[in-house]
C-alpha atoms as a PDB file:
ATOM      1  CA  MET A   1      17.575  -9.512  -7.566  1.00  0.00           C
ATOM      2  CA  VAL A   2      13.827  -9.862  -8.191  1.00  0.00           C
ATOM      3  CA  GLY A   3      11.846 -11.756 -10.518  1.00  0.00           C
ATOM      4  CA  HIS A   4      10.267 -10.475 -14.058  1.00  0.00           C
ATOM      5  CA  GLU A   5       6.503 -12.203 -12.836  1.00  0.00           C
ATOM      6  CA  ILE A   6       6.971  -9.707  -9.532  1.00  0.00           C
ATOM      7  CA  GLN A   7       7.782  -6.752 -11.430  1.00  0.00           C
ATOM      8  CA  THR A   8       4.565  -7.733 -13.871  1.00  0.00           C
ATOM      9  CA  ASP A   9       2.742  -7.466 -11.128  1.00  0.00           C
ATOM     10  CA  LEU A  10       4.108  -4.497  -9.605  1.00  0.00           C
ATOM     11  CA  LYS A  11       3.776  -2.570 -11.772  1.00  0.00           C
ATOM     12  CA  LYS A  12      -0.035  -4.353 -13.116  1.00  0.00           C
ATOM     13  CA  PHE A  13      -1.268  -2.777  -8.848  1.00  0.00           C
ATOM     14  CA  MET A  14       0.663   0.811  -9.716  1.00  0.00           C
ATOM     15  CA  SER A  15      -1.378   1.102 -12.467  1.00  0.00           C
ATOM     16  CA  GLU A  16      -4.723  -0.279 -11.284  1.00  0.00           C
ATOM     17  CA  TYR A  17      -3.771   1.826  -8.496  1.00  0.00           C
ATOM     18  CA  GLU A  18      -3.885   4.783 -10.830  1.00  0.00           C
ATOM     19  CA  ASN A  19      -6.745   3.585 -13.014  1.00  0.00           C
ATOM     20  CA  LYS A  20      -8.924   3.601 -10.314  1.00  0.00           C
ATOM     21  CA  LEU A  21     -11.594   2.009 -12.278  1.00  0.00           C
ATOM     22  CA  PRO A  22     -14.506   0.411 -10.503  1.00  0.00           C
ATOM     23  CA  GLY A  23     -13.067  -2.498  -8.226  1.00  0.00           C
ATOM     24  CA  TYR A  24      -9.614  -2.068  -7.813  1.00  0.00           C
ATOM     25  CA  GLN A  25      -9.973  -2.173  -4.195  1.00  0.00           C
ATOM     26  CA  GLN A  26      -9.946  -5.949  -4.641  1.00  0.00           C
ATOM     27  CA  VAL A  27      -7.677  -6.143  -7.228  1.00  0.00           C
ATOM     28  CA  LEU A  28      -5.328  -4.220  -5.643  1.00  0.00           C
ATOM     29  CA  GLY A  29      -5.851  -6.384  -2.771  1.00  0.00           C
ATOM     30  CA  ALA A  30      -5.890 -10.167  -4.709  1.00  0.00           C
ATOM     31  CA  LEU A  31      -2.492  -7.992  -6.442  1.00  0.00           C
ATOM     32  CA  ALA A  32      -1.127  -7.698  -3.114  1.00  0.00           C
ATOM     33  CA  ILE A  33      -1.087 -11.265  -1.576  1.00  0.00           C
ATOM     34  CA  THR A  34       0.028 -12.658  -5.045  1.00  0.00           C
ATOM     35  CA  VAL A  35       3.399 -10.532  -4.590  1.00  0.00           C
ATOM     36  CA  THR A  36       3.380 -10.989  -1.534  1.00  0.00           C
ATOM     37  CA  HIS A  37       4.148 -14.735  -2.509  1.00  0.00           C
ATOM     38  CA  GLN A  38       6.170 -14.455  -4.805  1.00  0.00           C
ATOM     39  CA  ILE A  39       7.955 -12.650  -2.318  1.00  0.00           C
ATOM     40  CA  ILE A  40       8.177 -15.478  -0.017  1.00  0.00           C
ATOM     41  CA  ARG A  41       8.406 -18.326  -2.326  1.00  0.00           C
ATOM     42  CA  SER A  42      11.691 -16.297  -3.835  1.00  0.00           C
ATOM     43  CA  ILE A  43      13.590 -16.073  -0.575  1.00  0.00           C
ATOM     44  CA  LEU A  44      12.465 -19.653   0.268  1.00  0.00           C
ATOM     45  CA  LYS A  45      14.126 -20.410  -2.829  1.00  0.00           C
ATOM     46  CA  ILE A  46      10.401 -22.224  -4.438  1.00  0.00           C
ATOM     47  CA  VAL A  47       9.715 -23.162  -7.786  1.00  0.00           C
ATOM     48  CA  ASN A  48       7.013 -22.858  -8.894  1.00  0.00           C
ATOM     49  CA  LYS A  49       7.010 -25.509 -12.543  1.00  0.00           C
ATOM     50  CA  ALA A  50       4.103 -23.541 -13.771  1.00  0.00           C
ATOM     51  CA  ASP A  51       6.781 -20.512 -14.206  1.00  0.00           C
ATOM     52  CA  PHE A  52       8.135 -22.800 -16.573  1.00  0.00           C
ATOM     53  CA  ILE A  53       5.075 -22.534 -18.458  1.00  0.00           C
ATOM     54  CA  ILE A  54       4.017 -19.260 -18.411  1.00  0.00           C
ATOM     55  CA  GLU A  55       7.841 -17.823 -19.244  1.00  0.00           C
ATOM     56  CA  LYS A  56       7.663 -21.091 -22.248  1.00  0.00           C
ATOM     57  CA  LEU A  57       4.424 -19.136 -23.240  1.00  0.00           C
ATOM     58  CA  GLU A  58       5.195 -15.383 -22.924  1.00  0.00           C
ATOM     59  CA  ILE A  59       8.400 -16.114 -25.063  1.00  0.00           C
ATOM     60  CA  GLU A  60       6.080 -17.998 -27.417  1.00  0.00           C
ATOM     61  CA  ARG A  61       3.476 -14.992 -27.214  1.00  0.00           C
ATOM     62  CA  THR A  62       6.620 -12.352 -28.232  1.00  0.00           C
ATOM     63  CA  VAL A  63       8.002 -14.807 -31.357  1.00  0.00           C
ATOM     64  CA  ASN A  64       4.129 -14.761 -32.825  1.00  0.00           C
ATOM     65  CA  TYR A  65       4.230 -11.215 -32.386  1.00  0.00           C
ATOM     66  CA  MET A  66       7.468 -10.272 -34.241  1.00  0.00           C
ATOM     67  CA  TYR A  67       6.946 -12.992 -37.086  1.00  0.00           C
ATOM     68  CA  GLN A  68       3.070 -10.700 -37.510  1.00  0.00           C
ATOM     69  CA  HIS A  69       4.789  -7.689 -37.622  1.00  0.00           C
ATOM     70  CA  PHE A  70       8.191  -8.409 -39.239  1.00  0.00           C
ATOM     71  CA  GLY A  71       8.974  -6.116 -42.148  1.00  0.00           C
ATOM     72  CA  GLU A  72       6.865  -3.508 -40.391  1.00  0.00           C
ATOM     73  CA  LYS A  73       8.578  -0.090 -40.676  1.00  0.00           C
ATOM     74  CA  GLN A  74       8.613   1.729 -36.999  1.00  0.00           C
ATOM     75  CA  LEU A  75       8.937   5.790 -37.224  1.00  0.00           C
END
């Protein structure tokens, strides 16, 4: 099973590759290293305590978005 964080970074990688903005090679290299480390940590079952904090912030951001857009009609 691939974690949410790895999926997000893989999507960033694909987007960066497709867009080919200036400096994209460096960004691809950095993302490749990040994904590689995430996969290794996942295989070795190394838990990063910062992941919990990041997930908590993402949940908080989602809740704030919901509050800000509550009541808006979607077409």
